Structure formats: structure tokens, C-alpha cells
Amino acid sequence: MARPDEERYSDLLRHLAAPSTIDPDGLVESLREVERLHSMGHVTSAQLNAARDAYAATVAREPRQGAPRSPETRADERE
């Protein structure tokens, strides 16, 4: 039996806000899934924005969760 969209959204939001491991690809995939649910009308714009905010806060708190950075950016971080 398929899980209800609200339950899936709640799980995705929890993952975006507090991932248990460093998995940038998995985190982006969770955000994409929320965007897909929104595009199909299963979650609201407010829920989509909450997911985006959770993702941004997680990447700000733990930069390794974000997209790969250029060698120049990583060099600046080592200084």
C-alpha cells in the first residue's frame, strides 16, 4: 500500500532538516522529490518553501551536504 503524500512529505522534510549521514546526492534527491510532489499538486507552495529552507539551513550548517565546490573555493576554505 502506498504511503500518503503528507507522510512522504514529512519524511522528506525530516531528512532535509537533519540528515543522518553526509549524502549530498541523497539530500538533493529528497528536495527534488518534494518539488515533484508540488508539481503534481500533492503539497502546497508553503510546504515546498519549507523544504527549500530546510535544505538551505542544512547546507549552511554542514557545507559538505551541498553541491561540490570548485577547487578555488576549497582552497579559500583551507586558509
PDB file of N, CA and C in Angstrom:
ATOM      1  N   MET A   1       0.838  -1.176   0.000  1.00  0.00           N
ATOM      2  CA  MET A   1       0.000   0.000   0.000  1.00  0.00           C
ATOM      3  C   MET A   1       0.886   1.244   0.000  1.00  0.00           C
ATOM      4  N   ALA A   2       0.598   2.176  -0.862  1.00  0.00           N
ATOM      5  CA  ALA A   2       1.391   3.403  -0.980  1.00  0.00           C
ATOM      6  C   ALA A   2       1.162   4.300   0.232  1.00  0.00           C
ATOM      7  N   ARG A   3       2.226   4.961   0.632  1.00  0.00           N
ATOM      8  CA  ARG A   3       2.113   5.892   1.753  1.00  0.00           C
ATOM      9  C   ARG A   3       1.440   7.171   1.293  1.00  0.00           C
ATOM     10  N   PRO A   4       0.659   7.806   2.165  1.00  0.00           N
ATOM     11  CA  PRO A   4       0.024   9.083   1.806  1.00  0.00           C
ATOM     12  C   PRO A   4       1.081  10.156   1.533  1.00  0.00           C
ATOM     13  N   ASP A   5       0.734  11.102   0.656  1.00  0.00           N
ATOM     14  CA  ASP A   5       1.669  12.164   0.285  1.00  0.00           C
ATOM     15  C   ASP A   5       2.132  12.965   1.491  1.00  0.00           C
ATOM     16  N   GLU A   6       1.246  13.242   2.433  1.00  0.00           N
ATOM     17  CA  GLU A   6       1.636  14.014   3.625  1.00  0.00           C
ATOM     18  C   GLU A   6       2.700  13.277   4.429  1.00  0.00           C
ATOM     19  N   GLU A   7       2.583  11.965   4.531  1.00  0.00           N
ATOM     20  CA  GLU A   7       3.572  11.171   5.261  1.00  0.00           C
ATOM     21  C   GLU A   7       4.910  11.184   4.525  1.00  0.00           C
ATOM     22  N   ARG A   8       4.864  11.034   3.207  1.00  0.00           N
ATOM     23  CA  ARG A   8       6.097  11.093   2.409  1.00  0.00           C
ATOM     24  C   ARG A   8       6.753  12.454   2.553  1.00  0.00           C
ATOM     25  N   TYR A   9       5.944  13.521   2.480  1.00  0.00           N
ATOM     26  CA  TYR A   9       6.473  14.874   2.623  1.00  0.00           C
ATOM     27  C   TYR A   9       7.127  15.041   3.989  1.00  0.00           C
ATOM     28  N   SER A  10       6.476  14.577   5.042  1.00  0.00           N
ATOM     29  CA  SER A  10       7.033  14.706   6.398  1.00  0.00           C
ATOM     30  C   SER A  10       8.380  13.998   6.503  1.00  0.00           C
ATOM     31  N   ASP A  11       8.480  12.807   5.938  1.00  0.00           N
ATOM     32  CA  ASP A  11       9.748  12.073   5.953  1.00  0.00           C
ATOM     33  C   ASP A  11      10.827  12.822   5.181  1.00  0.00           C
ATOM     34  N   LEU A  12      10.470  13.346   4.013  1.00  0.00           N
ATOM     35  CA  LEU A  12      11.434  14.092   3.203  1.00  0.00           C
ATOM     36  C   LEU A  12      11.896  15.351   3.921  1.00  0.00           C
ATOM     37  N   LEU A  13      10.967  16.065   4.541  1.00  0.00           N
ATOM     38  CA  LEU A  13      11.319  17.289   5.257  1.00  0.00           C
ATOM     39  C   LEU A  13      12.240  16.973   6.431  1.00  0.00           C
ATOM     40  N   ARG A  14      11.955  15.900   7.148  1.00  0.00           N
ATOM     41  CA  ARG A  14      12.824  15.494   8.258  1.00  0.00           C
ATOM     42  C   ARG A  14      14.234  15.192   7.757  1.00  0.00           C
ATOM     43  N   HIS A  15      14.312  14.508   6.624  1.00  0.00           N
ATOM     44  CA  HIS A  15      15.616  14.184   6.054  1.00  0.00           C
ATOM     45  C   HIS A  15      16.360  15.448   5.620  1.00  0.00           C
ATOM     46  N   LEU A  16      15.650  16.389   5.024  1.00  0.00           N
ATOM     47  CA  LEU A  16      16.285  17.633   4.590  1.00  0.00           C
ATOM     48  C   LEU A  16      16.783  18.450   5.779  1.00  0.00           C
ATOM     49  N   ALA A  17      16.050  18.426   6.869  1.00  0.00           N
ATOM     50  CA  ALA A  17      16.399  19.247   8.029  1.00  0.00           C
ATOM     51  C   ALA A  17      17.489  18.618   8.882  1.00  0.00           C
ATOM     52  N   ALA A  18      17.557  17.296   8.912  1.00  0.00           N
ATOM     53  CA  ALA A  18      18.521  16.637   9.803  1.00  0.00           C
ATOM     54  C   ALA A  18      18.981  15.310   9.208  1.00  0.00           C
ATOM     55  N   PRO A  19      19.767  15.348   8.143  1.00  0.00           N
ATOM     56  CA  PRO A  19      20.245  14.098   7.556  1.00  0.00           C
ATOM     57  C   PRO A  19      21.149  13.359   8.525  1.00  0.00           C
ATOM     58  N   SER A  20      21.052  12.040   8.530  1.00  0.00           N
ATOM     59  CA  SER A  20      21.828  11.250   9.487  1.00  0.00           C
ATOM     60  C   SER A  20      23.248  10.974   9.002  1.00  0.00           C
ATOM     61  N   THR A  21      23.483  11.073   7.708  1.00  0.00           N
ATOM     62  CA  THR A  21      24.823  10.863   7.159  1.00  0.00           C
ATOM     63  C   THR A  21      25.117  11.947   6.128  1.00  0.00           C
ATOM     64  N   ILE A  22      26.388  12.078   5.790  1.00  0.00           N
ATOM     65  CA  ILE A  22      26.773  13.008   4.728  1.00  0.00           C
ATOM     66  C   ILE A  22      26.442  12.331   3.403  1.00  0.00           C
ATOM     67  N   ASP A  23      25.419  12.838   2.742  1.00  0.00           N
ATOM     68  CA  ASP A  23      24.962  12.268   1.479  1.00  0.00           C
ATOM     69  C   ASP A  23      24.364  13.380   0.623  1.00  0.00           C
ATOM     70  N   PRO A  24      25.223  14.223   0.016  1.00  0.00           N
ATOM     71  CA  PRO A  24      24.714  15.341  -0.775  1.00  0.00           C
ATOM     72  C   PRO A  24      23.749  14.913  -1.874  1.00  0.00           C
ATOM     73  N   ASP A  25      24.041  13.813  -2.557  1.00  0.00           N
ATOM     74  CA  ASP A  25      23.163  13.362  -3.635  1.00  0.00           C
ATOM     75  C   ASP A  25      21.791  12.957  -3.092  1.00  0.00           C
ATOM     76  N   GLY A  26      21.769  12.282  -1.962  1.00  0.00           N
ATOM     77  CA  GLY A  26      20.506  11.874  -1.360  1.00  0.00           C
ATOM     78  C   GLY A  26      19.690  13.066  -0.891  1.00  0.00           C
ATOM     79  N   LEU A  27      20.379  14.069  -0.373  1.00  0.00           N
ATOM     80  CA  LEU A  27      19.694  15.266   0.103  1.00  0.00           C
ATOM     81  C   LEU A  27      19.052  16.020  -1.065  1.00  0.00           C
ATOM     82  N   VAL A  28      19.774  16.153  -2.153  1.00  0.00           N
ATOM     83  CA  VAL A  28      19.225  16.819  -3.342  1.00  0.00           C
ATOM     84  C   VAL A  28      18.063  16.001  -3.891  1.00  0.00           C
ATOM     85  N   GLU A  29      18.192  14.695  -3.872  1.00  0.00           N
ATOM     86  CA  GLU A  29      17.109  13.843  -4.370  1.00  0.00           C
ATOM     87  C   GLU A  29      15.846  14.024  -3.517  1.00  0.00           C
ATOM     88  N   SER A  30      15.999  14.194  -2.222  1.00  0.00           N
ATOM     89  CA  SER A  30      14.840  14.448  -1.361  1.00  0.00           C
ATOM     90  C   SER A  30      14.169  15.768  -1.724  1.00  0.00           C
ATOM     91  N   LEU A  31      14.975  16.794  -1.965  1.00  0.00           N
ATOM     92  CA  LEU A  31      14.406  18.079  -2.371  1.00  0.00           C
ATOM     93  C   LEU A  31      13.704  17.961  -3.719  1.00  0.00           C
ATOM     94  N   ARG A  32      14.295  17.241  -4.641  1.00  0.00           N
ATOM     95  CA  ARG A  32      13.671  17.038  -5.954  1.00  0.00           C
ATOM     96  C   ARG A  32      12.329  16.295  -5.818  1.00  0.00           C
ATOM     97  N   GLU A  33      12.267  15.347  -4.894  1.00  0.00           N
ATOM     98  CA  GLU A  33      11.022  14.614  -4.675  1.00  0.00           C
ATOM     99  C   GLU A  33       9.930  15.548  -4.153  1.00  0.00           C
ATOM    100  N   VAL A  34      10.292  16.467  -3.239  1.00  0.00           N
ATOM    101  CA  VAL A  34       9.309  17.443  -2.761  1.00  0.00           C
ATOM    102  C   VAL A  34       8.869  18.336  -3.914  1.00  0.00           C
ATOM    103  N   GLU A  35       9.811  18.755  -4.759  1.00  0.00           N
ATOM    104  CA  GLU A  35       9.455  19.575  -5.918  1.00  0.00           C
ATOM    105  C   GLU A  35       8.520  18.814  -6.854  1.00  0.00           C
ATOM    106  N   ARG A  36       8.760  17.523  -7.024  1.00  0.00           N
ATOM    107  CA  ARG A  36       7.897  16.706  -7.873  1.00  0.00           C
ATOM    108  C   ARG A  36       6.497  16.600  -7.264  1.00  0.00           C
ATOM    109  N   LEU A  37       6.425  16.376  -5.955  1.00  0.00           N
ATOM    110  CA  LEU A  37       5.124  16.324  -5.285  1.00  0.00           C
ATOM    111  C   LEU A  37       4.378  17.646  -5.463  1.00  0.00           C
ATOM    112  N   HIS A  38       5.111  18.753  -5.385  1.00  0.00           N
ATOM    113  CA  HIS A  38       4.492  20.064  -5.559  1.00  0.00           C
ATOM    114  C   HIS A  38       3.984  20.230  -6.990  1.00  0.00           C
ATOM    115  N   SER A  39       4.778  19.820  -7.958  1.00  0.00           N
ATOM    116  CA  SER A  39       4.379  19.979  -9.358  1.00  0.00           C
ATOM    117  C   SER A  39       3.129  19.159  -9.682  1.00  0.00           C
ATOM    118  N   MET A  40       2.914  18.091  -8.944  1.00  0.00           N
ATOM    119  CA  MET A  40       1.736  17.258  -9.150  1.00  0.00           C
ATOM    120  C   MET A  40       0.556  17.726  -8.292  1.00  0.00           C
ATOM    121  N   GLY A  41       0.770  18.771  -7.496  1.00  0.00           N
ATOM    122  CA  GLY A  41      -0.302  19.310  -6.673  1.00  0.00           C
ATOM    123  C   GLY A  41      -0.538  18.556  -5.378  1.00  0.00           C
ATOM    124  N   HIS A  42       0.446  17.749  -4.957  1.00  0.00           N
ATOM    125  CA  HIS A  42       0.278  16.953  -3.737  1.00  0.00           C
ATOM    126  C   HIS A  42       0.734  17.673  -2.472  1.00  0.00           C
ATOM    127  N   VAL A  43       1.585  18.695  -2.624  1.00  0.00           N
ATOM    128  CA  VAL A  43       1.983  19.521  -1.488  1.00  0.00           C
ATOM    129  C   VAL A  43       1.840  20.987  -1.893  1.00  0.00           C
ATOM    130  N   THR A  44       1.692  21.837  -0.892  1.00  0.00           N
ATOM    131  CA  THR A  44       1.455  23.253  -1.141  1.00  0.00           C
ATOM    132  C   THR A  44       2.764  23.997  -1.412  1.00  0.00           C
ATOM    133  N   SER A  45       2.634  25.226  -1.875  1.00  0.00           N
ATOM    134  CA  SER A  45       3.811  26.077  -2.075  1.00  0.00           C
ATOM    135  C   SER A  45       4.511  26.344  -0.751  1.00  0.00           C
ATOM    136  N   ALA A  46       3.739  26.496   0.315  1.00  0.00           N
ATOM    137  CA  ALA A  46       4.336  26.715   1.643  1.00  0.00           C
ATOM    138  C   ALA A  46       5.164  25.505   2.059  1.00  0.00           C
ATOM    139  N   GLN A  47       4.682  24.308   1.771  1.00  0.00           N
ATOM    140  CA  GLN A  47       5.441  23.101   2.099  1.00  0.00           C
ATOM    141  C   GLN A  47       6.716  23.014   1.260  1.00  0.00           C
ATOM    142  N   LEU A  48       6.616  23.384  -0.007  1.00  0.00           N
ATOM    143  CA  LEU A  48       7.797  23.400  -0.869  1.00  0.00           C
ATOM    144  C   LEU A  48       8.822  24.395  -0.333  1.00  0.00           C
ATOM    145  N   ASN A  49       8.368  25.581   0.036  1.00  0.00           N
ATOM    146  CA  ASN A  49       9.294  26.585   0.583  1.00  0.00           C
ATOM    147  C   ASN A  49       9.918  26.119   1.893  1.00  0.00           C
ATOM    148  N   ALA A  50       9.159  25.428   2.725  1.00  0.00           N
ATOM    149  CA  ALA A  50       9.708  24.891   3.979  1.00  0.00           C
ATOM    150  C   ALA A  50      10.806  23.876   3.684  1.00  0.00           C
ATOM    151  N   ALA A  51      10.610  23.047   2.667  1.00  0.00           N
ATOM    152  CA  ALA A  51      11.625  22.063   2.286  1.00  0.00           C
ATOM    153  C   ALA A  51      12.874  22.761   1.752  1.00  0.00           C
ATOM    154  N   ARG A  52      12.689  23.777   0.937  1.00  0.00           N
ATOM    155  CA  ARG A  52      13.848  24.524   0.420  1.00  0.00           C
ATOM    156  C   ARG A  52      14.604  25.214   1.551  1.00  0.00           C
ATOM    157  N   ASP A  53      13.869  25.785   2.496  1.00  0.00           N
ATOM    158  CA  ASP A  53      14.502  26.438   3.645  1.00  0.00           C
ATOM    159  C   ASP A  53      15.272  25.426   4.493  1.00  0.00           C
ATOM    160  N   ALA A  54      14.690  24.241   4.695  1.00  0.00           N
ATOM    161  CA  ALA A  54      15.362  23.198   5.469  1.00  0.00           C
ATOM    162  C   ALA A  54      16.641  22.758   4.774  1.00  0.00           C
ATOM    163  N   TYR A  55      16.585  22.603   3.457  1.00  0.00           N
ATOM    164  CA  TYR A  55      17.770  22.226   2.689  1.00  0.00           C
ATOM    165  C   TYR A  55      18.848  23.299   2.825  1.00  0.00           C
ATOM    166  N   ALA A  56      18.470  24.556   2.644  1.00  0.00           N
ATOM    167  CA  ALA A  56      19.435  25.660   2.727  1.00  0.00           C
ATOM    168  C   ALA A  56      20.058  25.735   4.125  1.00  0.00           C
ATOM    169  N   ALA A  57      19.262  25.551   5.155  1.00  0.00           N
ATOM    170  CA  ALA A  57      19.781  25.602   6.531  1.00  0.00           C
ATOM    171  C   ALA A  57      20.747  24.446   6.779  1.00  0.00           C
ATOM    172  N   THR A  58      20.434  23.283   6.240  1.00  0.00           N
ATOM    173  CA  THR A  58      21.320  22.129   6.415  1.00  0.00           C
ATOM    174  C   THR A  58      22.647  22.364   5.713  1.00  0.00           C
ATOM    175  N   VAL A  59      22.614  22.878   4.489  1.00  0.00           N
ATOM    176  CA  VAL A  59      23.854  23.132   3.752  1.00  0.00           C
ATOM    177  C   VAL A  59      24.657  24.247   4.426  1.00  0.00           C
ATOM    178  N   ALA A  60      23.985  25.253   4.964  1.00  0.00           N
ATOM    179  CA  ALA A  60      24.694  26.326   5.669  1.00  0.00           C
ATOM    180  C   ALA A  60      25.374  25.785   6.925  1.00  0.00           C
ATOM    181  N   ARG A  61      24.684  24.892   7.609  1.00  0.00           N
ATOM    182  CA  ARG A  61      25.206  24.310   8.848  1.00  0.00           C
ATOM    183  C   ARG A  61      26.292  23.277   8.568  1.00  0.00           C
ATOM    184  N   GLU A  62      26.124  22.518   7.486  1.00  0.00           N
ATOM    185  CA  GLU A  62      27.034  21.430   7.133  1.00  0.00           C
ATOM    186  C   GLU A  62      27.349  21.513   5.637  1.00  0.00           C
ATOM    187  N   PRO A  63      28.332  22.355   5.255  1.00  0.00           N
ATOM    188  CA  PRO A  63      28.620  22.594   3.837  1.00  0.00           C
ATOM    189  C   PRO A  63      28.905  21.335   3.024  1.00  0.00           C
ATOM    190  N   ARG A  64      29.386  20.283   3.669  1.00  0.00           N
ATOM    191  CA  ARG A  64      29.667  19.051   2.916  1.00  0.00           C
ATOM    192  C   ARG A  64      28.400  18.414   2.365  1.00  0.00           C
ATOM    193  N   GLN A  65      27.221  18.845   2.857  1.00  0.00           N
ATOM    194  CA  GLN A  65      25.958  18.318   2.333  1.00  0.00           C
ATOM    195  C   GLN A  65      25.576  18.977   1.012  1.00  0.00           C
ATOM    196  N   GLY A  66      26.235  20.077   0.673  1.00  0.00           N
ATOM    197  CA  GLY A  66      25.895  20.819  -0.535  1.00  0.00           C
ATOM    198  C   GLY A  66      26.569  20.262  -1.765  1.00  0.00           C
ATOM    199  N   ALA A  67      26.360  20.961  -2.850  1.00  0.00           N
ATOM    200  CA  ALA A  67      26.946  20.563  -4.132  1.00  0.00           C
ATOM    201  C   ALA A  67      28.464  20.682  -4.072  1.00  0.00           C
ATOM    202  N   PRO A  68      29.153  19.937  -4.907  1.00  0.00           N
ATOM    203  CA  PRO A  68      30.612  20.049  -4.936  1.00  0.00           C
ATOM    204  C   PRO A  68      31.028  21.483  -5.266  1.00  0.00           C
ATOM    205  N   ARG A  69      32.106  21.915  -4.631  1.00  0.00           N
ATOM    206  CA  ARG A  69      32.610  23.266  -4.860  1.00  0.00           C
ATOM    207  C   ARG A  69      33.863  23.210  -5.723  1.00  0.00           C
ATOM    208  N   SER A  70      34.160  24.316  -6.335  1.00  0.00           N
ATOM    209  CA  SER A  70      35.341  24.393  -7.206  1.00  0.00           C
ATOM    210  C   SER A  70      36.614  24.281  -6.380  1.00  0.00           C
ATOM    211  N   PRO A  71      37.716  23.895  -7.007  1.00  0.00           N
ATOM    212  CA  PRO A  71      38.991  23.841  -6.279  1.00  0.00           C
ATOM    213  C   PRO A  71      39.365  25.194  -5.669  1.00  0.00           C
ATOM    214  N   GLU A  72      39.019  26.282  -6.351  1.00  0.00           N
ATOM    215  CA  GLU A  72      39.341  27.609  -5.817  1.00  0.00           C
ATOM    216  C   GLU A  72      38.594  27.863  -4.518  1.00  0.00           C
ATOM    217  N   THR A  73      37.341  27.483  -4.454  1.00  0.00           N
ATOM    218  CA  THR A  73      36.546  27.676  -3.231  1.00  0.00           C
ATOM    219  C   THR A  73      37.113  26.833  -2.105  1.00  0.00           C
ATOM    220  N   ARG A  74      37.456  25.601  -2.396  1.00  0.00           N
ATOM    221  CA  ARG A  74      38.015  24.745  -1.346  1.00  0.00           C
ATOM    222  C   ARG A  74      39.347  25.294  -0.866  1.00  0.00           C
ATOM    223  N   ALA A  75      40.159  25.877  -1.745  1.00  0.00           N
ATOM    224  CA  ALA A  75      41.442  26.466  -1.341  1.00  0.00           C
ATOM    225  C   ALA A  75      41.202  27.629  -0.393  1.00  0.00           C
ATOM    226  N   ASP A  76      40.174  28.429  -0.652  1.00  0.00           N
ATOM    227  CA  ASP A  76      39.853  29.552   0.230  1.00  0.00           C
ATOM    228  C   ASP A  76      39.453  29.069   1.619  1.00  0.00           C
ATOM    229  N   GLU A  77      38.787  27.946   1.695  1.00  0.00           N
ATOM    230  CA  GLU A  77      38.345  27.403   2.986  1.00  0.00           C
ATOM    231  C   GLU A  77      39.508  26.889   3.817  1.00  0.00           C
ATOM    232  N   ARG A  78      40.596  26.470   3.177  1.00  0.00           N
ATOM    233  CA  ARG A  78      41.748  25.919   3.910  1.00  0.00           C
ATOM    234  C   ARG A  78      42.585  27.005   4.554  1.00  0.00           C
ATOM    235  N   GLU A  79      42.479  28.227   4.067  1.00  0.00           N
ATOM    236  CA  GLU A  79      43.316  29.317   4.578  1.00  0.00           C
ATOM    237  C   GLU A  79      42.895  29.732   5.959  1.00  0.00           C
TER     238      GLU A  79
END
